[in-house]
Amino acid sequence: MVVDPLREAELDRLFHAFADSTRRDIVRRVTVEEFSVSGLAALYAMSFAAVQKHVAVLERASLVTKEKRGREQIVRGNHEGLLKARRLLDEYEQIWRQRAARMAAILTEG
């Protein structure tokens, strides 16, 4: 099996980003509307710095983008990054569907 190290690193960043409920919630919120980092921080029982770290993880995974606007950092969902995540998960689903089909074929043969 050939493993593309860049692709593996991308998968690691993606699954790391989605592994936390706060980060999943931030993605959900910023795909609906943009938020400042301070606006996001007001929504969670954690420090501003902790929210900044969550946003940085999401940004590294290309799930959100951040733009400086005046004194604020504006966060919004990255449609391309979300589509890439969907394609990656679709590939895993396809692998599992193929395995299930092979098992079903073996069971009907026997």
C-alpha atoms as a PDB file:
ATOM      1  CA  MET A   1       0.000   0.000   0.000  1.00  0.00           C
ATOM      2  CA  VAL A   2       1.400   3.374  -1.050  1.00  0.00           C
ATOM      3  CA  VAL A   3       0.970   6.056   1.572  1.00  0.00           C
ATOM      4  CA  ASP A   4       1.229   9.710   0.585  1.00  0.00           C
ATOM      5  CA  PRO A   5       2.789  11.476   3.610  1.00  0.00           C
ATOM      6  CA  LEU A   6       1.187  14.811   2.673  1.00  0.00           C
ATOM      7  CA  ARG A   7      -2.224  13.203   2.448  1.00  0.00           C
ATOM      8  CA  GLU A   8      -1.663  11.403   5.761  1.00  0.00           C
ATOM      9  CA  ALA A   9      -0.698  14.699   7.428  1.00  0.00           C
ATOM     10  CA  GLU A  10      -3.842  16.300   5.996  1.00  0.00           C
ATOM     11  CA  LEU A  11      -5.964  13.455   7.378  1.00  0.00           C
ATOM     12  CA  ASP A  12      -4.294  13.786  10.780  1.00  0.00           C
ATOM     13  CA  ARG A  13      -5.086  17.520  10.879  1.00  0.00           C
ATOM     14  CA  LEU A  14      -8.670  16.903   9.792  1.00  0.00           C
ATOM     15  CA  PHE A  15      -9.425  14.154  12.303  1.00  0.00           C
ATOM     16  CA  HIS A  16      -7.627  16.051  15.065  1.00  0.00           C
ATOM     17  CA  ALA A  17      -9.809  19.083  14.314  1.00  0.00           C
ATOM     18  CA  PHE A  18     -13.043  17.073  14.379  1.00  0.00           C
ATOM     19  CA  ALA A  19     -12.044  15.130  17.506  1.00  0.00           C
ATOM     20  CA  ASP A  20     -13.157  17.932  19.817  1.00  0.00           C
ATOM     21  CA  SER A  21     -16.801  18.925  20.388  1.00  0.00           C
ATOM     22  CA  THR A  22     -15.979  22.624  20.783  1.00  0.00           C
ATOM     23  CA  ARG A  23     -14.194  22.647  17.427  1.00  0.00           C
ATOM     24  CA  ARG A  24     -17.108  20.845  15.760  1.00  0.00           C
ATOM     25  CA  ASP A  25     -19.457  23.431  17.262  1.00  0.00           C
ATOM     26  CA  ILE A  26     -17.280  26.304  16.035  1.00  0.00           C
ATOM     27  CA  VAL A  27     -17.326  24.830  12.513  1.00  0.00           C
ATOM     28  CA  ARG A  28     -21.112  24.517  12.669  1.00  0.00           C
ATOM     29  CA  ARG A  29     -21.492  28.125  13.790  1.00  0.00           C
ATOM     30  CA  VAL A  30     -19.070  29.728  11.333  1.00  0.00           C
ATOM     31  CA  THR A  31     -20.519  27.880   8.347  1.00  0.00           C
ATOM     32  CA  VAL A  32     -23.823  29.646   9.070  1.00  0.00           C
ATOM     33  CA  GLU A  33     -22.357  33.093   9.763  1.00  0.00           C
ATOM     34  CA  GLU A  34     -18.990  34.673  10.400  1.00  0.00           C
ATOM     35  CA  PHE A  35     -17.883  35.385  13.964  1.00  0.00           C
ATOM     36  CA  SER A  36     -15.054  37.325  15.509  1.00  0.00           C
ATOM     37  CA  VAL A  37     -12.795  35.249  17.730  1.00  0.00           C
ATOM     38  CA  SER A  38     -13.956  37.339  20.683  1.00  0.00           C
ATOM     39  CA  GLY A  39     -17.582  36.700  19.662  1.00  0.00           C
ATOM     40  CA  LEU A  40     -16.878  32.971  19.651  1.00  0.00           C
ATOM     41  CA  ALA A  41     -15.097  33.215  22.999  1.00  0.00           C
ATOM     42  CA  ALA A  42     -18.245  34.755  24.520  1.00  0.00           C
ATOM     43  CA  LEU A  43     -20.170  31.575  23.599  1.00  0.00           C
ATOM     44  CA  TYR A  44     -17.999  29.103  25.501  1.00  0.00           C
ATOM     45  CA  ALA A  45     -17.031  28.656  29.138  1.00  0.00           C
ATOM     46  CA  MET A  46     -13.333  28.896  28.389  1.00  0.00           C
ATOM     47  CA  SER A  47     -10.726  31.575  27.966  1.00  0.00           C
ATOM     48  CA  PHE A  48     -10.264  33.694  24.860  1.00  0.00           C
ATOM     49  CA  ALA A  49      -6.839  32.066  24.406  1.00  0.00           C
ATOM     50  CA  ALA A  50      -8.395  28.583  24.477  1.00  0.00           C
ATOM     51  CA  VAL A  51     -10.890  29.567  21.760  1.00  0.00           C
ATOM     52  CA  GLN A  52      -8.034  31.040  19.731  1.00  0.00           C
ATOM     53  CA  LYS A  53      -6.223  27.708  19.959  1.00  0.00           C
ATOM     54  CA  HIS A  54      -9.329  25.843  18.767  1.00  0.00           C
ATOM     55  CA  VAL A  55      -9.664  28.242  15.829  1.00  0.00           C
ATOM     56  CA  ALA A  56      -5.972  27.749  14.992  1.00  0.00           C
ATOM     57  CA  VAL A  57      -6.465  23.951  14.880  1.00  0.00           C
ATOM     58  CA  LEU A  58      -9.448  24.409  12.567  1.00  0.00           C
ATOM     59  CA  GLU A  59      -7.505  26.817  10.394  1.00  0.00           C
ATOM     60  CA  ARG A  60      -4.591  24.352  10.036  1.00  0.00           C
ATOM     61  CA  ALA A  61      -7.112  21.723   8.938  1.00  0.00           C
ATOM     62  CA  SER A  62      -8.488  24.209   6.341  1.00  0.00           C
ATOM     63  CA  LEU A  63     -11.960  24.000   7.873  1.00  0.00           C
ATOM     64  CA  VAL A  64     -12.132  27.728   8.655  1.00  0.00           C
ATOM     65  CA  THR A  65     -10.435  30.874   7.459  1.00  0.00           C
ATOM     66  CA  LYS A  66      -9.464  33.828   9.597  1.00  0.00           C
ATOM     67  CA  GLU A  67      -9.211  37.405   8.394  1.00  0.00           C
ATOM     68  CA  LYS A  68      -8.014  40.450  10.286  1.00  0.00           C
ATOM     69  CA  ARG A  69     -10.660  43.182  10.142  1.00  0.00           C
ATOM     70  CA  GLY A  70      -9.700  46.218  12.155  1.00  0.00           C
ATOM     71  CA  ARG A  71      -8.882  45.032  15.648  1.00  0.00           C
ATOM     72  CA  GLU A  72     -10.790  41.777  15.259  1.00  0.00           C
ATOM     73  CA  GLN A  73     -10.035  38.398  13.738  1.00  0.00           C
ATOM     74  CA  ILE A  74     -13.062  37.245  11.734  1.00  0.00           C
ATOM     75  CA  VAL A  75     -13.614  33.486  11.393  1.00  0.00           C
ATOM     76  CA  ARG A  76     -15.727  31.899   8.696  1.00  0.00           C
ATOM     77  CA  GLY A  77     -16.217  28.402   7.372  1.00  0.00           C
ATOM     78  CA  ASN A  78     -14.005  27.323   4.491  1.00  0.00           C
ATOM     79  CA  HIS A  79     -16.303  25.701   1.944  1.00  0.00           C
ATOM     80  CA  GLU A  80     -13.405  24.142   0.002  1.00  0.00           C
ATOM     81  CA  GLY A  81     -11.952  22.635   3.183  1.00  0.00           C
ATOM     82  CA  LEU A  82     -15.330  21.209   4.173  1.00  0.00           C
ATOM     83  CA  LEU A  83     -15.762  19.710   0.700  1.00  0.00           C
ATOM     84  CA  LYS A  84     -12.329  18.126   0.951  1.00  0.00           C
ATOM     85  CA  ALA A  85     -13.276  16.653   4.339  1.00  0.00           C
ATOM     86  CA  ARG A  86     -16.468  15.282   2.829  1.00  0.00           C
ATOM     87  CA  ARG A  87     -14.556  13.670  -0.051  1.00  0.00           C
ATOM     88  CA  LEU A  88     -12.111  12.050   2.377  1.00  0.00           C
ATOM     89  CA  LEU A  89     -14.950  10.635   4.484  1.00  0.00           C
ATOM     90  CA  ASP A  90     -16.728   9.461   1.309  1.00  0.00           C
ATOM     91  CA  GLU A  91     -13.579   7.494   0.411  1.00  0.00           C
ATOM     92  CA  TYR A  92     -13.673   5.730   3.802  1.00  0.00           C
ATOM     93  CA  GLU A  93     -17.362   4.980   3.336  1.00  0.00           C
ATOM     94  CA  GLN A  94     -16.633   3.487  -0.083  1.00  0.00           C
ATOM     95  CA  ILE A  95     -13.932   1.245   1.389  1.00  0.00           C
ATOM     96  CA  TRP A  96     -16.349  -0.044   4.027  1.00  0.00           C
ATOM     97  CA  ARG A  97     -19.120  -0.578   1.482  1.00  0.00           C
ATOM     98  CA  GLN A  98     -16.741  -2.632  -0.681  1.00  0.00           C
ATOM     99  CA  ARG A  99     -15.727  -4.734   2.335  1.00  0.00           C
ATOM    100  CA  ALA A 100     -19.370  -5.329   3.259  1.00  0.00           C
ATOM    101  CA  ALA A 101     -20.146  -6.348  -0.332  1.00  0.00           C
ATOM    102  CA  ARG A 102     -17.213  -8.822  -0.344  1.00  0.00           C
ATOM    103  CA  MET A 103     -18.378 -10.325   2.971  1.00  0.00           C
ATOM    104  CA  ALA A 104     -21.924 -10.642   1.628  1.00  0.00           C
ATOM    105  CA  ALA A 105     -20.591 -12.350  -1.508  1.00  0.00           C
ATOM    106  CA  ILE A 106     -18.573 -14.817   0.590  1.00  0.00           C
ATOM    107  CA  LEU A 107     -21.575 -15.595   2.786  1.00  0.00           C
ATOM    108  CA  THR A 108     -23.865 -16.250  -0.208  1.00  0.00           C
ATOM    109  CA  GLU A 109     -21.231 -18.563  -1.779  1.00  0.00           C
ATOM    110  CA  GLY A 110     -20.987 -20.752   1.304  1.00  0.00           C
END
